[in-house]
């Protein structure tokens, strides 16, 4: 991270609270900052000699030896990286039980060996150990978190009873604003089924949630905030207005009312009402969206289970891999991928805060964090909540990310050989800029008014020249409108993270867990967000990864949709 970048962040309102002694004692860093000024390179860095040495209170290698781990949600983006990393870093593990959902006539086991194992994520592991060794180590269990006992069959439960040491749950719906029912089923009811399974197996639990259950907040977000009864607008420990059981009853009643009142309007009308109603309810309590609202309810169900030995892992915004399985691996049109693609297509104006970081974290760092927490849980030395984020140790401010988007766009269009030459020239030399929400709305209004004028002129021309000559232009205009609406909707979904709120998630607990590892452990699982060079990561790893792995999928989806 460059000196200029750290200085710019330090001079902001949030940076002053972070870098000065005006912070309360509870927010002070629990260790001496590893950053040191390198006068030769002209930037801050973490010298190799200053890396903390492990105390050896936890031996991850011993913790994983001859253990059995049950994973749910291993077919997702984070899940596949975690699965590959477990197999790669801890061959001492005895058994790995992986749940995979059936898809129509394709069994869970067939899906694993035809879809998951051939994934680029698992490639290095397959080459290292071979398919037969993985087949011996991994047991595929067919089921679904949305079913009782997560769909695990009784005879298999009998075989696993008392033999599973820990259950890792990565299952859930990662979509910001789905219909309320779509989010409740995996994120809340699915957790109820998960708890039933964990109790039946007699295992410990590690549940993957999200940092953003914090809701609409600014500043530092601690890890020790009580889970039960939490909602973002809570007025203190004596505020007991939010109760997860009562909230679930409200949700169920709301769903039934929607279905009854709109029974003659069709399924689409019902789903639209469930979508807006879910967002309204979430925001009334202070959550950003339906996703974080339901994830928080799932956390509270776990925290309210008597006698359960658990840890909740909360990653920030998960992005492309930094190192494992290789730099730039990404999957799915999620997190910042739509924004990077928009930037690559020449979007120049971005509404972001000038004084706050964006909490992003590479997926392989998330996987390592989960493995560290798992070792702590297996050794009985865990905390209940772990944030996996980067701004606490190595913040990257939003205007700098906008500059990175501009660098990528200018380079791409400067060397582009196809398309409109004038448009490519404009995109290659016009700088990106940070704008306010008000400026964004005014610009949108001007664009739509201009499109309305063009539409009116084309319709008038159609009456004179006929549809044959004007029709293609009208079709092109409809495509342009649709693409603009998609960009607007994407930006609107990200505004809570880019301008309305500014988060710094404390990561004390994961640092403490890392400090307890042995030095041998830390050669296998390294938690080192302080070493990320954000310019190199964003421009040379993350952006290139999205262009390689995500853009072809995005282009296919747009083509299918008729864009």
Protein backbone atom coordinates (compact mmCIF):
# COMPACT_ATOMS: atom_id res chain seq x y z
CA UNK A 1 0.00 0.00 0.00
CA UNK A 2 1.55 3.31 -1.05
CA UNK A 3 2.38 6.08 1.41
CA UNK A 4 0.19 8.55 -0.48
CA UNK A 5 -2.81 6.25 -0.23
CA UNK A 6 -2.38 5.75 3.52
CA UNK A 7 -1.92 9.50 4.00
CA UNK A 8 -5.10 10.27 2.04
CA UNK A 9 -7.05 7.80 4.15
CA UNK A 10 -5.52 9.16 7.38
CA UNK A 11 -6.64 12.69 6.45
CA UNK A 12 -10.30 11.68 6.08
CA UNK A 13 -12.83 11.81 8.92
CA UNK A 14 -12.83 8.04 9.28
CA UNK A 15 -9.06 7.89 8.97
CA UNK A 16 -8.58 10.40 11.78
CA UNK A 17 -10.67 8.23 14.09
CA UNK A 18 -8.64 5.19 13.01
CA UNK A 19 -5.07 6.54 13.07
CA UNK A 20 -5.19 8.94 16.04
CA UNK A 21 -5.42 8.46 19.78
CA UNK A 22 -8.89 10.04 19.80
CA UNK A 23 -10.26 6.50 19.58
CA UNK A 24 -11.54 4.88 22.76
CA UNK A 25 -9.43 2.26 24.50
CA UNK A 26 -11.79 -0.45 23.22
CA UNK A 27 -10.91 0.37 19.61
CA UNK A 28 -7.13 0.52 19.94
CA UNK A 29 -5.12 -2.05 18.00
CA UNK A 30 -4.19 -5.04 20.22
CA UNK A 31 -0.75 -5.27 18.66
CA UNK A 32 1.93 -3.02 17.23
CA UNK A 33 1.31 -2.17 13.59
CA UNK A 34 3.55 -4.24 11.28
CA UNK A 35 3.80 -1.44 8.68
CA UNK A 36 7.22 0.22 8.31
CA UNK A 37 8.39 2.98 5.97
CA UNK A 38 10.81 1.81 3.26
CA UNK A 39 12.72 4.93 2.08
CA UNK A 40 14.20 3.10 -0.90
CA UNK A 41 10.86 1.94 -2.35
CA UNK A 42 9.11 5.08 -1.13
CA UNK A 43 6.17 3.26 0.47
CA UNK A 44 5.01 1.42 3.54
CA UNK A 45 5.57 -2.34 3.71
CA UNK A 46 5.67 -5.23 6.17
CA UNK A 47 9.29 -6.38 6.60
CA UNK A 48 9.75 -10.14 6.71
CA UNK A 49 11.55 -9.91 10.03
CA UNK A 50 8.60 -8.18 11.67
CA UNK A 51 6.12 -10.98 11.04
CA UNK A 52 4.68 -12.21 14.34
CA UNK A 53 5.85 -15.62 15.55
CA UNK A 54 3.23 -18.16 16.58
CA UNK A 55 2.93 -19.07 20.28
CA UNK A 56 2.01 -22.68 19.55
CA UNK A 57 -1.08 -22.71 21.79
CA UNK A 58 -2.93 -24.21 18.81
CA UNK A 59 -1.50 -26.80 16.46
CA UNK A 60 -3.68 -26.79 13.36
CA UNK A 61 -1.80 -29.78 11.97
CA UNK A 62 -2.59 -31.81 15.09
CA UNK A 63 -6.14 -30.43 15.23
CA UNK A 64 -6.92 -31.70 11.73
CA UNK A 65 -5.16 -35.04 12.10
CA UNK A 66 -7.57 -38.01 11.98
CA UNK A 67 -10.59 -35.69 12.11
CA UNK A 68 -13.84 -35.86 10.16
CA UNK A 69 -15.35 -32.65 8.78
CA UNK A 70 -18.83 -32.28 7.27
CA UNK A 71 -19.20 -29.43 4.74
CA UNK A 72 -22.45 -27.96 3.43
CA UNK A 73 -22.36 -25.46 0.56
CA UNK A 74 -19.09 -26.71 -0.92
CA UNK A 75 -20.30 -26.18 -4.50
CA UNK A 76 -20.32 -22.37 -4.23
CA UNK A 77 -17.54 -19.88 -4.95
CA UNK A 78 -16.09 -19.83 -1.43
CA UNK A 79 -17.01 -23.47 -0.83
CA UNK A 80 -14.97 -24.85 -3.71
CA UNK A 81 -11.89 -22.84 -2.73
CA UNK A 82 -12.26 -23.99 0.88
CA UNK A 83 -12.70 -27.61 -0.20
CA UNK A 84 -9.58 -27.45 -2.37
CA UNK A 85 -7.58 -25.77 0.39
CA UNK A 86 -8.53 -28.34 3.03
CA UNK A 87 -7.45 -31.18 0.76
CA UNK A 88 -4.27 -29.36 -0.25
CA UNK A 89 -3.11 -28.06 3.14
CA UNK A 90 -4.24 -30.81 5.51
CA UNK A 91 -3.77 -34.28 4.03
CA UNK A 92 -3.70 -35.48 7.66
CA UNK A 93 -7.49 -35.13 7.72
CA UNK A 94 -9.20 -38.50 8.07
CA UNK A 95 -12.49 -37.96 6.23
CA UNK A 96 -14.25 -35.12 4.45
CA UNK A 97 -18.02 -35.46 4.14
CA UNK A 98 -19.37 -33.14 1.44
CA UNK A 99 -23.07 -32.53 0.87
CA UNK A 100 -24.13 -31.94 -2.74
CA UNK A 101 -27.70 -31.33 -3.90
CA UNK A 102 -29.29 -33.50 -6.55
CA UNK A 103 -30.23 -31.69 -9.79
CA UNK A 104 -33.14 -33.36 -11.56
CA UNK A 105 -31.80 -36.73 -12.70
CA UNK A 106 -28.19 -36.03 -11.69
CA UNK A 107 -27.28 -37.40 -8.27
CA UNK A 108 -25.18 -35.46 -5.78
CA UNK A 109 -22.23 -37.79 -6.28
CA UNK A 110 -22.45 -37.48 -10.07
CA UNK A 111 -22.55 -33.69 -9.75
CA UNK A 112 -19.45 -33.69 -7.54
CA UNK A 113 -17.35 -35.72 -9.95
CA UNK A 114 -18.71 -34.08 -13.11
CA UNK A 115 -19.07 -30.43 -11.99
CA UNK A 116 -17.13 -29.74 -8.80
CA UNK A 117 -13.98 -31.84 -9.19
CA UNK A 118 -13.30 -30.69 -12.82
CA UNK A 119 -13.58 -27.04 -11.70
CA UNK A 120 -10.40 -24.95 -12.15
CA UNK A 121 -10.47 -24.50 -8.37
CA UNK A 122 -9.82 -28.19 -7.74
CA UNK A 123 -7.37 -28.61 -10.63
CA UNK A 124 -4.14 -28.27 -8.59
CA UNK A 125 -5.46 -30.66 -5.93
CA UNK A 126 -6.50 -33.28 -8.50
CA UNK A 127 -3.09 -33.09 -10.14
CA UNK A 128 -1.35 -33.43 -6.79
CA UNK A 129 -3.33 -36.31 -5.27
CA UNK A 130 -5.24 -37.90 -8.15
CA UNK A 131 -8.96 -38.63 -8.43
CA UNK A 132 -8.74 -41.98 -6.65
CA UNK A 133 -7.11 -40.50 -3.54
CA UNK A 134 -9.77 -37.78 -3.42
CA UNK A 135 -12.48 -40.40 -3.87
CA UNK A 136 -11.03 -42.29 -0.90
CA UNK A 137 -10.84 -39.19 1.27
CA UNK A 138 -14.16 -37.54 0.32
CA UNK A 139 -17.60 -39.00 1.04
CA UNK A 140 -20.43 -37.43 -0.96
CA UNK A 141 -23.75 -37.06 0.86
CA UNK A 142 -26.83 -36.14 -1.14
CA UNK A 143 -29.18 -33.70 0.54
CA UNK A 144 -30.36 -30.12 0.84
CA UNK A 145 -30.12 -27.65 3.71
CA UNK A 146 -33.75 -26.74 3.02
CA UNK A 147 -34.92 -30.20 4.16
CA UNK A 148 -35.20 -31.64 7.67
CA UNK A 149 -31.81 -32.79 8.95
CA UNK A 150 -30.49 -31.19 5.74
CA UNK A 151 -31.85 -34.15 3.79
CA UNK A 152 -29.33 -36.64 5.20
CA UNK A 153 -30.83 -40.12 5.09
CA UNK A 154 -31.44 -41.96 8.42
CA UNK A 155 -29.14 -44.89 7.61
CA UNK A 156 -26.26 -42.51 6.83
CA UNK A 157 -26.96 -40.51 9.98
CA UNK A 158 -26.49 -43.70 11.94
CA UNK A 159 -23.08 -44.25 10.37
CA UNK A 160 -21.99 -40.65 11.01
CA UNK A 161 -23.39 -40.40 14.54
CA UNK A 162 -20.59 -39.40 16.91
CA UNK A 163 -17.94 -39.55 14.18
CA UNK A 164 -18.17 -35.99 12.78
CA UNK A 165 -16.00 -33.52 14.69
CA UNK A 166 -17.20 -30.28 13.13
CA UNK A 167 -19.80 -29.14 10.60
CA UNK A 168 -18.90 -26.23 8.28
CA UNK A 169 -21.95 -24.50 6.84
CA UNK A 170 -21.41 -22.33 3.77
CA UNK A 171 -24.90 -22.92 2.35
CA UNK A 172 -27.23 -19.97 1.84
CA UNK A 173 -28.60 -17.52 -0.70
CA UNK A 174 -26.25 -14.63 -1.49
CA UNK A 175 -28.67 -12.29 -3.22
CA UNK A 176 -29.35 -8.78 -1.92
CA UNK A 177 -33.05 -8.34 -2.68
CA UNK A 178 -34.84 -11.61 -3.52
CA UNK A 179 -38.48 -12.27 -2.63
CA UNK A 180 -38.60 -12.72 1.15
CA UNK A 181 -39.44 -16.43 0.92
CA UNK A 182 -36.40 -17.12 -1.28
CA UNK A 183 -34.10 -15.70 1.39
CA UNK A 184 -35.89 -17.14 4.42
CA UNK A 185 -35.76 -20.74 3.20
CA UNK A 186 -31.95 -21.20 3.04
CA UNK A 187 -30.81 -18.47 5.45
CA UNK A 188 -33.27 -19.03 8.30
CA UNK A 189 -35.23 -22.27 7.92
CA UNK A 190 -32.08 -23.87 6.53
CA UNK A 191 -30.26 -22.91 9.75
CA UNK A 192 -33.01 -24.60 11.77
CA UNK A 193 -32.44 -27.78 9.77
CA UNK A 194 -28.69 -27.38 10.21
CA UNK A 195 -29.01 -27.10 13.99
CA UNK A 196 -31.11 -30.25 14.04
CA UNK A 197 -28.40 -32.07 12.07
CA UNK A 198 -25.52 -30.79 14.24
CA UNK A 199 -27.35 -31.85 17.40
CA UNK A 200 -28.02 -35.28 15.92
CA UNK A 201 -24.35 -35.74 14.98
CA UNK A 202 -23.03 -34.38 18.27
CA UNK A 203 -20.65 -32.09 16.38
CA UNK A 204 -19.33 -28.56 16.71
CA UNK A 205 -20.50 -25.91 14.23
CA UNK A 206 -18.83 -23.25 12.13
CA UNK A 207 -21.39 -21.08 10.33
CA UNK A 208 -20.39 -18.71 7.53
CA UNK A 209 -22.36 -15.47 7.64
CA UNK A 210 -21.43 -11.94 6.51
CA UNK A 211 -19.89 -8.85 8.11
CA UNK A 212 -22.84 -6.84 6.85
CA UNK A 213 -25.27 -8.24 9.41
CA UNK A 214 -24.07 -5.09 11.21
CA UNK A 215 -26.58 -3.15 9.09
CA UNK A 216 -26.47 0.57 8.34
CA UNK A 217 -23.44 1.75 10.28
CA UNK A 218 -20.44 4.05 10.07
CA UNK A 219 -17.04 3.56 11.64
CA UNK A 220 -15.55 0.57 13.42
CA UNK A 221 -17.70 -2.52 13.89
CA UNK A 222 -16.66 -4.69 16.87
CA UNK A 223 -16.85 -8.48 17.01
CA UNK A 224 -18.15 -8.67 20.57
CA UNK A 225 -21.60 -7.13 20.00
CA UNK A 226 -24.20 -9.53 21.47
CA UNK A 227 -25.83 -11.64 18.76
CA UNK A 228 -29.17 -12.43 20.39
CA UNK A 229 -31.73 -9.63 20.05
CA UNK A 230 -29.46 -7.61 17.76
CA UNK A 231 -30.80 -5.22 15.17
CA UNK A 232 -28.89 -2.25 13.72
CA UNK A 233 -31.15 0.41 15.29
CA UNK A 234 -30.92 -1.16 18.74
CA UNK A 235 -30.79 1.45 21.50
CA UNK A 236 -28.63 -0.52 23.94
CA UNK A 237 -28.64 -3.81 25.88
CA UNK A 238 -32.03 -3.05 27.45
CA UNK A 239 -33.71 -2.75 24.03
CA UNK A 240 -35.43 -6.11 23.47
CA UNK A 241 -37.76 -5.17 20.64
CA UNK A 242 -36.25 -7.63 18.16
CA UNK A 243 -36.98 -11.29 18.82
CA UNK A 244 -36.14 -13.79 16.10
CA UNK A 245 -39.08 -16.11 16.89
CA UNK A 246 -41.57 -13.24 16.78
CA UNK A 247 -39.95 -11.89 13.62
CA UNK A 248 -40.30 -15.26 11.91
CA UNK A 249 -43.99 -15.31 12.80
CA UNK A 250 -44.38 -11.84 11.28
CA UNK A 251 -42.64 -13.02 8.10
CA UNK A 252 -44.85 -16.09 7.81
CA UNK A 253 -47.99 -14.01 8.32
CA UNK A 254 -46.82 -11.46 5.74
CA UNK A 255 -46.15 -14.21 3.19
CA UNK A 256 -49.62 -15.68 3.70
CA UNK A 257 -51.25 -12.25 3.40
CA UNK A 258 -49.41 -11.58 0.13
CA UNK A 259 -50.46 -14.92 -1.32
CA UNK A 260 -54.09 -14.39 -0.31
CA UNK A 261 -54.49 -10.72 -1.28
CA UNK A 262 -52.76 -11.20 -4.66
CA UNK A 263 -54.12 -14.66 -5.45
CA UNK A 264 -55.87 -13.36 -8.56
CA UNK A 265 -52.88 -11.31 -9.76
CA UNK A 266 -50.53 -14.17 -10.54
CA UNK A 267 -47.23 -15.47 -9.22
CA UNK A 268 -45.19 -12.56 -10.54
CA UNK A 269 -47.22 -9.99 -8.59
CA UNK A 270 -46.86 -12.05 -5.41
CA UNK A 271 -43.09 -12.35 -5.81
CA UNK A 272 -42.72 -8.62 -6.50
CA UNK A 273 -44.66 -7.81 -3.32
CA UNK A 274 -42.57 -10.28 -1.32
CA UNK A 275 -39.45 -8.64 -2.74
CA UNK A 276 -40.40 -5.06 -1.84
CA UNK A 277 -41.93 -6.14 1.47
CA UNK A 278 -38.78 -7.99 2.49
CA UNK A 279 -36.60 -4.97 1.74
CA UNK A 280 -38.97 -2.63 3.59
CA UNK A 281 -39.03 -4.85 6.66
CA UNK A 282 -35.25 -5.26 6.67
CA UNK A 283 -34.65 -1.53 6.35
CA UNK A 284 -37.21 -0.72 9.05
CA UNK A 285 -34.94 -2.52 11.54
CA UNK A 286 -31.80 -0.91 10.06
CA UNK A 287 -30.44 -3.69 7.86
CA UNK A 288 -29.24 -2.82 4.37
CA UNK A 289 -31.22 -5.48 2.51
CA UNK A 290 -33.16 -8.74 2.80
CA UNK A 291 -29.99 -10.81 2.59
CA UNK A 292 -28.32 -9.30 5.67
CA UNK A 293 -31.65 -9.31 7.55
CA UNK A 294 -32.17 -13.05 7.08
CA UNK A 295 -28.49 -13.86 7.70
CA UNK A 296 -28.71 -12.08 11.05
CA UNK A 297 -31.81 -14.08 11.96
CA UNK A 298 -29.90 -17.27 11.15
CA UNK A 299 -27.05 -16.16 13.44
CA UNK A 300 -29.50 -15.50 16.26
CA UNK A 301 -31.01 -18.97 15.94
CA UNK A 302 -27.50 -20.41 16.36
CA UNK A 303 -26.59 -18.17 19.30
CA UNK A 304 -29.86 -19.07 21.02
CA UNK A 305 -29.24 -22.84 20.90
CA UNK A 306 -28.32 -24.12 24.41
CA UNK A 307 -25.15 -26.17 24.74
CA UNK A 308 -23.98 -25.61 21.16
CA UNK A 309 -20.24 -25.21 20.60
CA UNK A 310 -20.06 -22.84 17.63
CA UNK A 311 -18.21 -20.07 15.84
CA UNK A 312 -19.70 -17.62 13.35
CA UNK A 313 -17.36 -16.46 10.58
CA UNK A 314 -18.28 -13.17 8.91
CA UNK A 315 -16.41 -12.38 5.69
CA UNK A 316 -16.56 -8.95 4.07
CA UNK A 317 -17.10 -8.63 0.28
CA UNK A 318 -15.40 -11.71 -1.16
CA UNK A 319 -13.40 -11.16 -4.33
CA UNK A 320 -10.96 -12.95 -6.67
CA UNK A 321 -8.24 -15.18 -5.26
CA UNK A 322 -4.88 -13.60 -4.51
CA UNK A 323 -2.77 -16.78 -4.63
CA UNK A 324 -4.79 -20.00 -4.27
CA UNK A 325 -5.65 -22.00 -6.32
CA UNK A 326 -4.05 -19.41 -8.63
CA UNK A 327 -4.22 -15.60 -8.86
CA UNK A 328 -7.49 -14.19 -10.20
CA UNK A 329 -9.88 -17.13 -9.82
CA UNK A 330 -13.48 -15.92 -9.66
CA UNK A 331 -16.89 -17.40 -10.28
CA UNK A 332 -20.40 -16.06 -10.66
CA UNK A 333 -21.71 -12.58 -11.44
CA UNK A 334 -21.61 -11.46 -7.80
CA UNK A 335 -19.88 -8.99 -5.46
CA UNK A 336 -17.92 -6.32 -7.39
CA UNK A 337 -17.85 -8.21 -10.71
CA UNK A 338 -20.76 -6.19 -12.23
CA UNK A 339 -19.02 -2.94 -11.26
CA UNK A 340 -15.70 -4.05 -12.73
CA UNK A 341 -17.46 -5.06 -15.95
CA UNK A 342 -19.23 -1.69 -16.08
CA UNK A 343 -15.91 0.07 -15.57
CA UNK A 344 -14.40 -2.02 -18.34
CA UNK A 345 -17.19 -0.93 -20.66
CA UNK A 346 -16.37 2.72 -20.08
CA UNK A 347 -18.49 3.97 -17.16
CA UNK A 348 -16.65 7.08 -15.99
CA UNK A 349 -18.68 8.54 -13.10
CA UNK A 350 -18.87 6.74 -9.76
CA UNK A 351 -20.83 7.82 -6.67
CA UNK A 352 -18.55 6.85 -3.77
CA UNK A 353 -17.50 8.28 -0.42
CA UNK A 354 -14.23 10.15 -0.49
CA UNK A 355 -13.42 9.34 3.15
CA UNK A 356 -14.04 5.63 3.54
CA UNK A 357 -12.54 2.25 2.64
CA UNK A 358 -14.29 -0.58 0.84
CA UNK A 359 -14.20 -3.82 2.83
CA UNK A 360 -13.10 -6.42 0.28
CA UNK A 361 -11.14 -9.62 0.81
CA UNK A 362 -9.69 -12.23 -1.57
CA UNK A 363 -11.50 -15.57 -1.49
CA UNK A 364 -8.38 -17.57 -0.61
CA UNK A 365 -7.81 -15.35 2.42
CA UNK A 366 -11.39 -16.13 3.48
CA UNK A 367 -10.73 -19.86 3.09
CA UNK A 368 -7.58 -19.58 5.19
CA UNK A 369 -9.48 -17.65 7.84
CA UNK A 370 -12.14 -20.38 8.00
CA UNK A 371 -9.45 -23.06 8.38
CA UNK A 372 -7.80 -21.09 11.20
CA UNK A 373 -11.14 -20.70 12.99
CA UNK A 374 -11.85 -24.41 12.49
CA UNK A 375 -8.54 -25.28 14.15
CA UNK A 376 -9.39 -23.00 17.08
CA UNK A 377 -12.82 -24.63 17.45
CA UNK A 378 -11.35 -28.14 17.33
CA UNK A 379 -8.87 -27.14 20.06
CA UNK A 380 -11.54 -25.45 22.19
CA UNK A 381 -9.86 -22.04 22.00
CA UNK A 382 -12.32 -20.18 19.81
CA UNK A 383 -14.33 -16.99 20.10
CA UNK A 384 -17.96 -16.86 18.96
CA UNK A 385 -17.54 -14.32 16.13
CA UNK A 386 -14.74 -13.75 13.63
CA UNK A 387 -14.69 -10.94 11.09
CA UNK A 388 -12.65 -11.71 7.97
CA UNK A 389 -11.93 -8.29 6.47
CA UNK A 390 -9.01 -6.08 5.44
CA UNK A 391 -9.64 -2.41 6.27
CA UNK A 392 -8.70 -2.94 9.92
CA UNK A 393 -5.12 -3.68 8.85
CA UNK A 394 -4.78 -2.54 5.23
CA UNK A 395 -7.54 -0.15 4.07
CA UNK A 396 -8.11 0.78 0.44
CA UNK A 397 -10.19 3.91 -0.03
CA UNK A 398 -13.01 4.02 -2.57
CA UNK A 399 -11.67 6.86 -4.77
CA UNK A 400 -8.52 4.79 -5.27
CA UNK A 401 -10.61 1.84 -6.48
CA UNK A 402 -12.37 4.19 -8.89
CA UNK A 403 -8.95 5.18 -10.22
CA UNK A 404 -8.12 1.49 -10.69
CA UNK A 405 -11.33 1.00 -12.68
CA UNK A 406 -10.35 3.94 -14.86
CA UNK A 407 -6.86 2.55 -15.47
CA UNK A 408 -8.32 -0.73 -16.64
CA UNK A 409 -10.88 0.94 -18.90
CA UNK A 410 -8.38 3.31 -20.52
CA UNK A 411 -5.87 0.55 -21.22
CA UNK A 412 -8.55 -1.74 -22.62
CA UNK A 413 -10.06 0.82 -25.00
CA UNK A 414 -6.70 2.23 -26.04
CA UNK A 415 -5.79 -1.19 -27.46
CA UNK A 416 -9.27 -2.22 -28.61
CA UNK A 417 -9.44 -3.05 -32.33
CA UNK A 418 -13.21 -3.50 -32.65
CA UNK A 419 -16.26 -1.32 -32.02
CA UNK A 420 -16.87 2.37 -32.56
CA UNK A 421 -13.49 4.11 -32.96
CA UNK A 422 -14.76 7.45 -31.62
CA UNK A 423 -16.29 5.79 -28.54
CA UNK A 424 -13.08 3.83 -27.94
CA UNK A 425 -11.04 7.04 -28.19
CA UNK A 426 -13.29 8.78 -25.65
CA UNK A 427 -13.13 5.84 -23.23
CA UNK A 428 -9.35 5.58 -23.64
CA UNK A 429 -8.54 9.17 -22.67
CA UNK A 430 -11.37 10.48 -20.44
CA UNK A 431 -10.58 10.08 -16.74
CA UNK A 432 -12.96 8.52 -14.23
CA UNK A 433 -14.42 10.82 -11.61
CA UNK A 434 -16.05 10.63 -8.19
CA UNK A 435 -19.50 12.23 -8.08
CA UNK A 436 -22.27 12.76 -5.54
CA UNK A 437 -25.58 10.89 -5.49
CA UNK A 438 -27.30 14.15 -6.46
CA UNK A 439 -25.07 14.50 -9.51
CA UNK A 440 -25.76 10.87 -10.38
CA UNK A 441 -29.53 11.41 -10.25
CA UNK A 442 -29.29 14.58 -12.33
CA UNK A 443 -27.20 12.77 -14.94
CA UNK A 444 -29.66 9.89 -15.08
CA UNK A 445 -32.51 12.33 -15.55
CA UNK A 446 -30.72 14.03 -18.46
CA UNK A 447 -29.95 10.69 -20.12
CA UNK A 448 -33.52 9.45 -19.90
CA UNK A 449 -34.91 12.76 -21.17
CA UNK A 450 -32.53 12.55 -24.11
CA UNK A 451 -33.56 8.96 -24.84
CA UNK A 452 -37.22 10.02 -24.72
CA UNK A 453 -36.53 12.73 -27.31
CA UNK A 454 -34.74 10.23 -29.57
CA UNK A 455 -37.59 7.74 -29.14
CA UNK A 456 -40.15 10.37 -30.10
CA UNK A 457 -38.15 11.40 -33.16
CA UNK A 458 -37.79 7.78 -34.31
CA UNK A 459 -41.51 7.13 -33.89
CA UNK A 460 -42.25 10.21 -35.98
CA UNK A 461 -39.76 9.07 -38.63
CA UNK A 462 -41.41 5.65 -38.60
CA UNK A 463 -44.70 7.17 -39.78
CA UNK A 464 -42.91 8.68 -42.77
CA UNK A 465 -40.20 6.16 -43.65
CA UNK A 466 -41.88 2.99 -42.42
CA UNK A 467 -40.91 0.33 -39.90
CA UNK A 468 -38.48 -1.39 -42.27
CA UNK A 469 -36.05 1.52 -42.24
CA UNK A 470 -36.61 2.84 -38.70
CA UNK A 471 -37.32 -0.43 -36.85
CA UNK A 472 -33.65 -1.42 -36.37
CA UNK A 473 -32.92 1.95 -34.76
CA UNK A 474 -35.87 1.53 -32.37
CA UNK A 475 -34.63 -1.95 -31.46
CA UNK A 476 -31.15 -0.58 -30.80
CA UNK A 477 -32.65 2.15 -28.61
CA UNK A 478 -34.57 -0.44 -26.57
CA UNK A 479 -31.35 -2.40 -26.06
CA UNK A 480 -29.56 0.77 -24.92
CA UNK A 481 -32.36 1.57 -22.45
CA UNK A 482 -32.24 -1.95 -21.04
CA UNK A 483 -28.46 -1.82 -20.58
CA UNK A 484 -28.69 1.58 -18.87
CA UNK A 485 -31.41 0.30 -16.52
CA UNK A 486 -29.27 -2.73 -15.65
CA UNK A 487 -26.32 -0.47 -14.84
CA UNK A 488 -28.53 1.79 -12.70
CA UNK A 489 -29.95 -1.18 -10.79
CA UNK A 490 -26.46 -2.57 -10.18
CA UNK A 491 -25.18 0.76 -8.86
CA UNK A 492 -28.25 1.19 -6.64
CA UNK A 493 -27.61 -2.20 -5.02
CA UNK A 494 -24.04 -1.18 -4.20
CA UNK A 495 -24.74 2.37 -2.99
CA UNK A 496 -25.11 1.24 0.67
CA UNK A 497 -21.54 -0.09 0.50
CA UNK A 498 -20.07 2.76 -1.56
CA UNK A 499 -21.62 5.94 -0.20
CA UNK A 500 -24.38 5.54 2.41
CA UNK A 501 -22.27 3.64 4.97
CA UNK A 502 -18.58 3.36 5.78
CA UNK A 503 -17.45 0.21 7.56
CA UNK A 504 -14.22 -0.89 9.21
CA UNK A 505 -14.77 -4.38 10.62
CA UNK A 506 -12.51 -5.18 13.55
CA UNK A 507 -10.47 -8.35 13.04
CA UNK A 508 -8.97 -8.84 16.49
CA UNK A 509 -10.23 -12.38 16.95
CA UNK A 510 -8.73 -13.82 13.78
CA UNK A 511 -5.41 -12.11 14.57
CA UNK A 512 -5.44 -13.62 18.05
CA UNK A 513 -6.17 -17.05 16.59
CA UNK A 514 -3.30 -16.66 14.11
CA UNK A 515 -0.96 -15.64 16.94
CA UNK A 516 -1.77 -18.92 18.74
CA UNK A 517 -0.76 -21.11 15.78
CA UNK A 518 2.60 -22.84 15.46
CA UNK A 519 5.09 -21.55 12.92
CA UNK A 520 4.61 -24.75 10.90
CA UNK A 521 0.87 -24.07 10.76
CA UNK A 522 1.49 -20.59 9.43
CA UNK A 523 3.41 -21.93 6.46
CA UNK A 524 0.20 -23.73 5.46
CA UNK A 525 -2.47 -21.19 6.42
CA UNK A 526 -1.29 -17.58 6.44
CA UNK A 527 -3.58 -14.71 7.44
CA UNK A 528 -1.74 -11.74 5.91
CA UNK A 529 -4.08 -9.00 4.60
CA UNK A 530 -1.44 -6.42 5.53
CA UNK A 531 0.72 -7.66 2.64
CA UNK A 532 -1.85 -6.94 -0.09
CA UNK A 533 -0.68 -4.37 -2.63
CA UNK A 534 -4.12 -3.10 -3.65
CA UNK A 535 -3.02 -1.54 -6.94
CA UNK A 536 -1.36 -4.76 -8.06
CA UNK A 537 -4.22 -6.91 -6.76
CA UNK A 538 -7.03 -4.87 -8.31
CA UNK A 539 -5.45 -4.12 -11.69
CA UNK A 540 -3.34 -7.20 -12.36
CA UNK A 541 -5.22 -9.93 -10.49
CA UNK A 542 -8.85 -9.11 -9.73
CA UNK A 543 -9.74 -7.22 -12.91
CA UNK A 544 -7.96 -9.68 -15.17
CA UNK A 545 -9.63 -12.56 -13.36
CA UNK A 546 -13.08 -11.09 -13.93
CA UNK A 547 -12.31 -10.43 -17.57
CA UNK A 548 -11.20 -14.04 -18.01
CA UNK A 549 -13.72 -15.96 -15.91
CA UNK A 550 -16.78 -13.71 -15.58
CA UNK A 551 -17.09 -11.60 -18.74
CA UNK A 552 -17.71 -14.59 -21.08
CA UNK A 553 -20.54 -15.76 -18.79
CA UNK A 554 -21.91 -12.22 -18.58
CA UNK A 555 -21.80 -11.83 -22.38
CA UNK A 556 -23.66 -15.13 -22.82
CA UNK A 557 -26.35 -14.07 -20.34
CA UNK A 558 -26.83 -10.73 -22.11
CA UNK A 559 -27.03 -12.46 -25.48
CA UNK A 560 -29.60 -14.93 -24.15
CA UNK A 561 -31.63 -12.07 -22.68
CA UNK A 562 -31.59 -10.33 -26.05
CA UNK A 563 -29.49 -7.41 -24.89
